[in-house]
């Protein structure tokens, strides 16, 4: 699998996080990169989801995950509910 460099960008419109499946709202900062594994795919994740994905992928020794099926880290969910 090929992965391009990860960029940190500010959302101009709603996106769906490819890690947790929750919305990335306009104005939120998120991580974005392109990858190819048979076909091109643009990954967009909340920063905390990107960190969780990185941790899990390092643990397994390969950068692969099933999109939209993972839990958003608890710390970020609590922050979103409170603010």
PDB file of N, CA and C in Angstrom:
ATOM      1  N   UNK A   1       0.844  -1.175   0.000  1.00  0.00           N
ATOM      2  CA  UNK A   1       0.000   0.000   0.000  1.00  0.00           C
ATOM      3  C   UNK A   1       0.894   1.243   0.000  1.00  0.00           C
ATOM      4  N   UNK A   2       0.537   2.220  -0.818  1.00  0.00           N
ATOM      5  CA  UNK A   2       1.229   3.499  -0.869  1.00  0.00           C
ATOM      6  C   UNK A   2       0.417   4.530  -0.101  1.00  0.00           C
ATOM      7  N   UNK A   3       1.073   5.325   0.731  1.00  0.00           N
ATOM      8  CA  UNK A   3       0.424   6.428   1.450  1.00  0.00           C
ATOM      9  C   UNK A   3       1.215   7.704   1.217  1.00  0.00           C
ATOM     10  N   UNK A   4       0.521   8.757   0.817  1.00  0.00           N
ATOM     11  CA  UNK A   4       1.153  10.066   0.652  1.00  0.00           C
ATOM     12  C   UNK A   4       1.349  10.695   2.036  1.00  0.00           C
ATOM     13  N   UNK A   5       2.056  11.816   2.070  1.00  0.00           N
ATOM     14  CA  UNK A   5       2.259  12.515   3.334  1.00  0.00           C
ATOM     15  C   UNK A   5       0.944  13.009   3.911  1.00  0.00           C
ATOM     16  N   UNK A   6       0.857  12.991   5.219  1.00  0.00           N
ATOM     17  CA  UNK A   6      -0.337  13.458   5.922  1.00  0.00           C
ATOM     18  C   UNK A   6      -0.301  14.972   6.042  1.00  0.00           C
ATOM     19  N   UNK A   7      -1.433  15.607   5.752  1.00  0.00           N
ATOM     20  CA  UNK A   7      -1.578  17.059   5.892  1.00  0.00           C
ATOM     21  C   UNK A   7      -2.553  17.347   7.022  1.00  0.00           C
ATOM     22  N   UNK A   8      -2.358  18.460   7.700  1.00  0.00           N
ATOM     23  CA  UNK A   8      -3.331  18.950   8.667  1.00  0.00           C
ATOM     24  C   UNK A   8      -4.063  20.095   7.993  1.00  0.00           C
ATOM     25  N   UNK A   9      -5.377  19.956   7.849  1.00  0.00           N
ATOM     26  CA  UNK A   9      -6.164  20.963   7.138  1.00  0.00           C
ATOM     27  C   UNK A   9      -7.388  21.362   7.957  1.00  0.00           C
ATOM     28  N   UNK A  10      -7.975  22.498   7.602  1.00  0.00           N
ATOM     29  CA  UNK A  10      -9.188  22.987   8.255  1.00  0.00           C
ATOM     30  C   UNK A  10     -10.367  22.721   7.317  1.00  0.00           C
ATOM     31  N   UNK A  11     -11.399  22.071   7.826  1.00  0.00           N
ATOM     32  CA  UNK A  11     -12.552  21.702   7.007  1.00  0.00           C
ATOM     33  C   UNK A  11     -13.337  22.937   6.569  1.00  0.00           C
ATOM     34  N   UNK A  12     -13.648  22.983   5.281  1.00  0.00           N
ATOM     35  CA  UNK A  12     -14.512  24.044   4.744  1.00  0.00           C
ATOM     36  C   UNK A  12     -15.943  23.564   4.609  1.00  0.00           C
ATOM     37  N   UNK A  13     -16.111  22.243   4.635  1.00  0.00           N
ATOM     38  CA  UNK A  13     -17.440  21.640   4.532  1.00  0.00           C
ATOM     39  C   UNK A  13     -17.425  20.367   5.378  1.00  0.00           C
ATOM     40  N   UNK A  14     -18.582  19.775   5.644  1.00  0.00           N
ATOM     41  CA  UNK A  14     -18.602  18.541   6.449  1.00  0.00           C
ATOM     42  C   UNK A  14     -17.918  17.385   5.709  1.00  0.00           C
ATOM     43  N   UNK A  15     -17.215  16.570   6.471  1.00  0.00           N
ATOM     44  CA  UNK A  15     -16.591  15.346   5.971  1.00  0.00           C
ATOM     45  C   UNK A  15     -16.925  14.235   6.949  1.00  0.00           C
ATOM     46  N   UNK A  16     -16.684  13.015   6.554  1.00  0.00           N
ATOM     47  CA  UNK A  16     -16.859  11.876   7.441  1.00  0.00           C
ATOM     48  C   UNK A  16     -15.489  11.315   7.772  1.00  0.00           C
ATOM     49  N   UNK A  17     -15.232  11.126   9.055  1.00  0.00           N
ATOM     50  CA  UNK A  17     -13.975  10.561   9.506  1.00  0.00           C
ATOM     51  C   UNK A  17     -13.900   9.103   9.063  1.00  0.00           C
ATOM     52  N   UNK A  18     -12.823   8.739   8.375  1.00  0.00           N
ATOM     53  CA  UNK A  18     -12.710   7.373   7.879  1.00  0.00           C
ATOM     54  C   UNK A  18     -12.322   6.392   8.983  1.00  0.00           C
ATOM     55  N   UNK A  19     -11.995   6.875  10.162  1.00  0.00           N
ATOM     56  CA  UNK A  19     -11.700   5.980  11.284  1.00  0.00           C
ATOM     57  C   UNK A  19     -12.979   5.641  12.046  1.00  0.00           C
ATOM     58  N   UNK A  20     -13.699   6.679  12.507  1.00  0.00           N
ATOM     59  CA  UNK A  20     -14.852   6.443  13.392  1.00  0.00           C
ATOM     60  C   UNK A  20     -16.212   6.603  12.709  1.00  0.00           C
ATOM     61  N   UNK A  21     -16.243   7.208  11.532  1.00  0.00           N
ATOM     62  CA  UNK A  21     -17.513   7.396  10.837  1.00  0.00           C
ATOM     63  C   UNK A  21     -18.310   8.602  11.305  1.00  0.00           C
ATOM     64  N   UNK A  22     -17.799   9.360  12.287  1.00  0.00           N
ATOM     65  CA  UNK A  22     -18.488  10.560  12.759  1.00  0.00           C
ATOM     66  C   UNK A  22     -18.124  11.750  11.879  1.00  0.00           C
ATOM     67  N   UNK A  23     -18.936  12.776  11.977  1.00  0.00           N
ATOM     68  CA  UNK A  23     -18.734  13.950  11.134  1.00  0.00           C
ATOM     69  C   UNK A  23     -17.550  14.789  11.588  1.00  0.00           C
ATOM     70  N   UNK A  24     -16.841  15.326  10.617  1.00  0.00           N
ATOM     71  CA  UNK A  24     -15.836  16.370  10.827  1.00  0.00           C
ATOM     72  C   UNK A  24     -16.543  17.651  10.392  1.00  0.00           C
ATOM     73  N   UNK A  25     -16.721  18.574  11.310  1.00  0.00           N
ATOM     74  CA  UNK A  25     -17.504  19.773  11.050  1.00  0.00           C
ATOM     75  C   UNK A  25     -16.690  20.879  10.379  1.00  0.00           C
ATOM     76  N   UNK A  26     -17.356  21.750   9.611  1.00  0.00           N
ATOM     77  CA  UNK A  26     -16.655  22.911   9.045  1.00  0.00           C
ATOM     78  C   UNK A  26     -15.976  23.702  10.164  1.00  0.00           C
ATOM     79  N   UNK A  27     -14.738  24.095   9.910  1.00  0.00           N
ATOM     80  CA  UNK A  27     -13.961  24.822  10.900  1.00  0.00           C
ATOM     81  C   UNK A  27     -13.071  23.933  11.748  1.00  0.00           C
ATOM     82  N   UNK A  28     -13.368  22.619  11.795  1.00  0.00           N
ATOM     83  CA  UNK A  28     -12.535  21.681  12.548  1.00  0.00           C
ATOM     84  C   UNK A  28     -11.240  21.399  11.795  1.00  0.00           C
ATOM     85  N   UNK A  29     -10.188  21.151  12.526  1.00  0.00           N
ATOM     86  CA  UNK A  29      -8.921  20.716  11.949  1.00  0.00           C
ATOM     87  C   UNK A  29      -8.964  19.200  11.854  1.00  0.00           C
ATOM     88  N   UNK A  30      -8.462  18.660  10.741  1.00  0.00           N
ATOM     89  CA  UNK A  30      -8.432  17.202  10.573  1.00  0.00           C
ATOM     90  C   UNK A  30      -7.196  16.798   9.791  1.00  0.00           C
ATOM     91  N   UNK A  31      -6.908  15.507   9.795  1.00  0.00           N
ATOM     92  CA  UNK A  31      -5.760  14.950   9.076  1.00  0.00           C
ATOM     93  C   UNK A  31      -6.246  14.348   7.764  1.00  0.00           C
ATOM     94  N   UNK A  32      -5.468  14.574   6.696  1.00  0.00           N
ATOM     95  CA  UNK A  32      -5.871  14.080   5.368  1.00  0.00           C
ATOM     96  C   UNK A  32      -4.647  13.554   4.634  1.00  0.00           C
ATOM     97  N   UNK A  33      -4.831  12.422   3.963  1.00  0.00           N
ATOM     98  CA  UNK A  33      -3.792  11.879   3.096  1.00  0.00           C
ATOM     99  C   UNK A  33      -4.424  10.934   2.103  1.00  0.00           C
ATOM    100  N   UNK A  34      -3.730  10.749   0.996  1.00  0.00           N
ATOM    101  CA  UNK A  34      -4.185   9.819  -0.045  1.00  0.00           C
ATOM    102  C   UNK A  34      -3.405   8.522   0.079  1.00  0.00           C
ATOM    103  N   UNK A  35      -4.079   7.437  -0.248  1.00  0.00           N
ATOM    104  CA  UNK A  35      -3.413   6.145  -0.269  1.00  0.00           C
ATOM    105  C   UNK A  35      -3.948   5.358  -1.455  1.00  0.00           C
ATOM    106  N   UNK A  36      -3.189   4.346  -1.830  1.00  0.00           N
ATOM    107  CA  UNK A  36      -3.637   3.475  -2.913  1.00  0.00           C
ATOM    108  C   UNK A  36      -3.359   2.036  -2.498  1.00  0.00           C
ATOM    109  N   UNK A  37      -4.382   1.234  -2.592  1.00  0.00           N
ATOM    110  CA  UNK A  37      -4.298  -0.194  -2.306  1.00  0.00           C
ATOM    111  C   UNK A  37      -5.274  -0.853  -3.269  1.00  0.00           C
ATOM    112  N   UNK A  38      -4.880  -0.876  -4.537  1.00  0.00           N
ATOM    113  CA  UNK A  38      -5.789  -1.341  -5.583  1.00  0.00           C
ATOM    114  C   UNK A  38      -6.547  -0.192  -6.225  1.00  0.00           C
ATOM    115  N   UNK A  39      -6.893   0.828  -5.421  1.00  0.00           N
ATOM    116  CA  UNK A  39      -7.529   2.045  -5.930  1.00  0.00           C
ATOM    117  C   UNK A  39      -7.149   3.208  -5.010  1.00  0.00           C
ATOM    118  N   UNK A  40      -7.264   4.436  -5.540  1.00  0.00           N
ATOM    119  CA  UNK A  40      -6.955   5.630  -4.763  1.00  0.00           C
ATOM    120  C   UNK A  40      -8.052   5.883  -3.744  1.00  0.00           C
ATOM    121  N   UNK A  41      -7.653   6.357  -2.576  1.00  0.00           N
ATOM    122  CA  UNK A  41      -8.592   6.627  -1.496  1.00  0.00           C
ATOM    123  C   UNK A  41      -8.080   7.820  -0.704  1.00  0.00           C
ATOM    124  N   UNK A  42      -8.950   8.769  -0.374  1.00  0.00           N
ATOM    125  CA  UNK A  42      -8.574   9.897   0.474  1.00  0.00           C
ATOM    126  C   UNK A  42      -9.044   9.624   1.891  1.00  0.00           C
ATOM    127  N   UNK A  43      -8.106   9.588   2.808  1.00  0.00           N
ATOM    128  CA  UNK A  43      -8.382   9.371   4.223  1.00  0.00           C
ATOM    129  C   UNK A  43      -8.550  10.720   4.901  1.00  0.00           C
ATOM    130  N   UNK A  44      -9.583  10.865   5.710  1.00  0.00           N
ATOM    131  CA  UNK A  44      -9.824  12.095   6.470  1.00  0.00           C
ATOM    132  C   UNK A  44     -10.194  11.666   7.874  1.00  0.00           C
ATOM    133  N   UNK A  45      -9.439  12.148   8.865  1.00  0.00           N
ATOM    134  CA  UNK A  45      -9.666  11.725  10.246  1.00  0.00           C
ATOM    135  C   UNK A  45      -9.546  12.882  11.223  1.00  0.00           C
ATOM    136  N   UNK A  46     -10.345  12.779  12.315  1.00  0.00           N
ATOM    137  CA  UNK A  46     -10.134  13.667  13.445  1.00  0.00           C
ATOM    138  C   UNK A  46      -8.690  13.450  13.913  1.00  0.00           C
ATOM    139  N   UNK A  47      -8.029  14.466  14.454  1.00  0.00           N
ATOM    140  CA  UNK A  47      -6.647  14.283  14.911  1.00  0.00           C
ATOM    141  C   UNK A  47      -6.499  13.133  15.909  1.00  0.00           C
ATOM    142  N   UNK A  48      -7.449  12.995  16.836  1.00  0.00           N
ATOM    143  CA  UNK A  48      -7.363  11.929  17.833  1.00  0.00           C
ATOM    144  C   UNK A  48      -7.607  10.549  17.208  1.00  0.00           C
ATOM    145  N   UNK A  49      -8.415  10.501  16.154  1.00  0.00           N
ATOM    146  CA  UNK A  49      -8.643   9.236  15.445  1.00  0.00           C
ATOM    147  C   UNK A  49      -7.383   8.854  14.661  1.00  0.00           C
ATOM    148  N   UNK A  50      -6.739   9.850  14.073  1.00  0.00           N
ATOM    149  CA  UNK A  50      -5.488   9.600  13.350  1.00  0.00           C
ATOM    150  C   UNK A  50      -4.434   9.036  14.301  1.00  0.00           C
ATOM    151  N   UNK A  51      -4.363   9.595  15.500  1.00  0.00           N
ATOM    152  CA  UNK A  51      -3.409   9.109  16.494  1.00  0.00           C
ATOM    153  C   UNK A  51      -3.734   7.663  16.894  1.00  0.00           C
ATOM    154  N   UNK A  52      -5.021   7.371  17.110  1.00  0.00           N
ATOM    155  CA  UNK A  52      -5.429   6.006  17.457  1.00  0.00           C
ATOM    156  C   UNK A  52      -5.112   5.038  16.324  1.00  0.00           C
ATOM    157  N   UNK A  53      -5.350   5.458  15.092  1.00  0.00           N
ATOM    158  CA  UNK A  53      -5.058   4.634  13.923  1.00  0.00           C
ATOM    159  C   UNK A  53      -3.557   4.373  13.830  1.00  0.00           C
ATOM    160  N   UNK A  54      -2.761   5.423  14.005  1.00  0.00           N
ATOM    161  CA  UNK A  54      -1.306   5.283  13.984  1.00  0.00           C
ATOM    162  C   UNK A  54      -0.828   4.273  15.032  1.00  0.00           C
ATOM    163  N   UNK A  55      -1.352   4.420  16.254  1.00  0.00           N
ATOM    164  CA  UNK A  55      -0.959   3.514  17.342  1.00  0.00           C
ATOM    165  C   UNK A  55      -1.302   2.066  17.003  1.00  0.00           C
ATOM    166  N   UNK A  56      -2.522   1.853  16.521  1.00  0.00           N
ATOM    167  CA  UNK A  56      -2.958   0.500  16.193  1.00  0.00           C
ATOM    168  C   UNK A  56      -2.153  -0.085  15.029  1.00  0.00           C
ATOM    169  N   UNK A  57      -1.914   0.714  14.025  1.00  0.00           N
ATOM    170  CA  UNK A  57      -1.178   0.227  12.862  1.00  0.00           C
ATOM    171  C   UNK A  57       0.272  -0.100  13.206  1.00  0.00           C
ATOM    172  N   UNK A  58       0.885   0.715  14.080  1.00  0.00           N
ATOM    173  CA  UNK A  58       2.250   0.415  14.523  1.00  0.00           C
ATOM    174  C   UNK A  58       2.284  -0.898  15.305  1.00  0.00           C
ATOM    175  N   UNK A  59       1.252  -1.099  16.125  1.00  0.00           N
ATOM    176  CA  UNK A  59       1.171  -2.320  16.926  1.00  0.00           C
ATOM    177  C   UNK A  59       1.081  -3.565  16.037  1.00  0.00           C
ATOM    178  N   UNK A  60       0.313  -3.456  14.942  1.00  0.00           N
ATOM    179  CA  UNK A  60       0.129  -4.599  14.042  1.00  0.00           C
ATOM    180  C   UNK A  60       1.222  -4.705  12.992  1.00  0.00           C
ATOM    181  N   UNK A  61       2.020  -3.633  12.839  1.00  0.00           N
ATOM    182  CA  UNK A  61       3.127  -3.667  11.897  1.00  0.00           C
ATOM    183  C   UNK A  61       2.739  -3.400  10.454  1.00  0.00           C
ATOM    184  N   UNK A  62       1.537  -2.917  10.214  1.00  0.00           N
ATOM    185  CA  UNK A  62       1.107  -2.556   8.866  1.00  0.00           C
ATOM    186  C   UNK A  62       0.053  -1.466   8.952  1.00  0.00           C
ATOM    187  N   UNK A  63       0.021  -0.616   7.931  1.00  0.00           N
ATOM    188  CA  UNK A  63      -0.898   0.519   7.948  1.00  0.00           C
ATOM    189  C   UNK A  63      -2.165   0.180   7.176  1.00  0.00           C
ATOM    190  N   UNK A  64      -3.002  -0.611   7.807  1.00  0.00           N
ATOM    191  CA  UNK A  64      -4.301  -0.952   7.226  1.00  0.00           C
ATOM    192  C   UNK A  64      -5.347  -0.930   8.326  1.00  0.00           C
ATOM    193  N   UNK A  65      -6.539  -0.499   7.978  1.00  0.00           N
ATOM    194  CA  UNK A  65      -7.660  -0.471   8.920  1.00  0.00           C
ATOM    195  C   UNK A  65      -8.948  -0.592   8.122  1.00  0.00           C
ATOM    196  N   UNK A  66     -10.030  -0.941   8.799  1.00  0.00           N
ATOM    197  CA  UNK A  66     -11.338  -1.020   8.146  1.00  0.00           C
ATOM    198  C   UNK A  66     -12.037   0.324   8.348  1.00  0.00           C
ATOM    199  N   UNK A  67     -12.279   1.064   7.261  1.00  0.00           N
ATOM    200  CA  UNK A  67     -12.869   2.397   7.390  1.00  0.00           C
ATOM    201  C   UNK A  67     -14.239   2.401   8.075  1.00  0.00           C
ATOM    202  N   UNK A  68     -14.474   3.461   8.826  1.00  0.00           N
ATOM    203  CA  UNK A  68     -15.761   3.793   9.441  1.00  0.00           C
ATOM    204  C   UNK A  68     -16.217   2.819  10.530  1.00  0.00           C
ATOM    205  N   UNK A  69     -15.340   1.937  11.018  1.00  0.00           N
ATOM    206  CA  UNK A  69     -15.781   0.899  11.956  1.00  0.00           C
ATOM    207  C   UNK A  69     -15.152   1.009  13.340  1.00  0.00           C
ATOM    208  N   UNK A  70     -14.346   2.011  13.572  1.00  0.00           N
ATOM    209  CA  UNK A  70     -13.612   2.120  14.831  1.00  0.00           C
ATOM    210  C   UNK A  70     -14.250   3.162  15.740  1.00  0.00           C
ATOM    211  N   UNK A  71     -13.929   3.089  17.014  1.00  0.00           N
ATOM    212  CA  UNK A  71     -14.479   4.052  17.963  1.00  0.00           C
ATOM    213  C   UNK A  71     -13.605   5.291  18.041  1.00  0.00           C
ATOM    214  N   UNK A  72     -14.269   6.444  18.124  1.00  0.00           N
ATOM    215  CA  UNK A  72     -13.537   7.692  18.335  1.00  0.00           C
ATOM    216  C   UNK A  72     -13.019   7.681  19.766  1.00  0.00           C
ATOM    217  N   UNK A  73     -11.774   8.068  19.986  1.00  0.00           N
ATOM    218  CA  UNK A  73     -11.230   8.064  21.350  1.00  0.00           C
ATOM    219  C   UNK A  73     -12.113   8.841  22.323  1.00  0.00           C
ATOM    220  N   UNK A  74     -12.295   8.300  23.505  1.00  0.00           N
ATOM    221  CA  UNK A  74     -13.212   8.828  24.528  1.00  0.00           C
ATOM    222  C   UNK A  74     -12.917  10.270  24.908  1.00  0.00           C
ATOM    223  N   UNK A  75     -11.667  10.626  25.051  1.00  0.00           N
ATOM    224  CA  UNK A  75     -11.278  11.977  25.461  1.00  0.00           C
ATOM    225  C   UNK A  75     -11.896  13.038  24.526  1.00  0.00           C
ATOM    226  N   UNK A  76     -11.845  12.798  23.246  1.00  0.00           N
ATOM    227  CA  UNK A  76     -12.367  13.765  22.281  1.00  0.00           C
ATOM    228  C   UNK A  76     -13.893  13.824  22.313  1.00  0.00           C
ATOM    229  N   UNK A  77     -14.539  12.671  22.513  1.00  0.00           N
ATOM    230  CA  UNK A  77     -16.003  12.661  22.569  1.00  0.00           C
ATOM    231  C   UNK A  77     -16.488  13.494  23.740  1.00  0.00           C
ATOM    232  N   UNK A  78     -15.806  13.389  24.888  1.00  0.00           N
ATOM    233  CA  UNK A  78     -16.205  14.156  26.058  1.00  0.00           C
ATOM    234  C   UNK A  78     -16.023  15.651  25.806  1.00  0.00           C
ATOM    235  N   UNK A  79     -14.934  16.029  25.140  1.00  0.00           N
ATOM    236  CA  UNK A  79     -14.688  17.432  24.832  1.00  0.00           C
ATOM    237  C   UNK A  79     -15.750  17.990  23.902  1.00  0.00           C
ATOM    238  N   UNK A  80     -16.176  17.211  22.916  1.00  0.00           N
ATOM    239  CA  UNK A  80     -17.187  17.651  21.960  1.00  0.00           C
ATOM    240  C   UNK A  80     -18.530  17.824  22.640  1.00  0.00           C
ATOM    241  N   UNK A  81     -18.836  16.954  23.613  1.00  0.00           N
ATOM    242  CA  UNK A  81     -20.113  17.043  24.321  1.00  0.00           C
ATOM    243  C   UNK A  81     -20.152  18.234  25.261  1.00  0.00           C
ATOM    244  N   UNK A  82     -18.993  18.619  25.787  1.00  0.00           N
ATOM    245  CA  UNK A  82     -18.924  19.717  26.754  1.00  0.00           C
ATOM    246  C   UNK A  82     -18.718  21.078  26.117  1.00  0.00           C
ATOM    247  N   UNK A  83     -18.406  21.104  24.839  1.00  0.00           N
ATOM    248  CA  UNK A  83     -18.055  22.401  24.291  1.00  0.00           C
ATOM    249  C   UNK A  83     -18.568  22.634  22.973  1.00  0.00           C
TER     250      UNK A  83
END
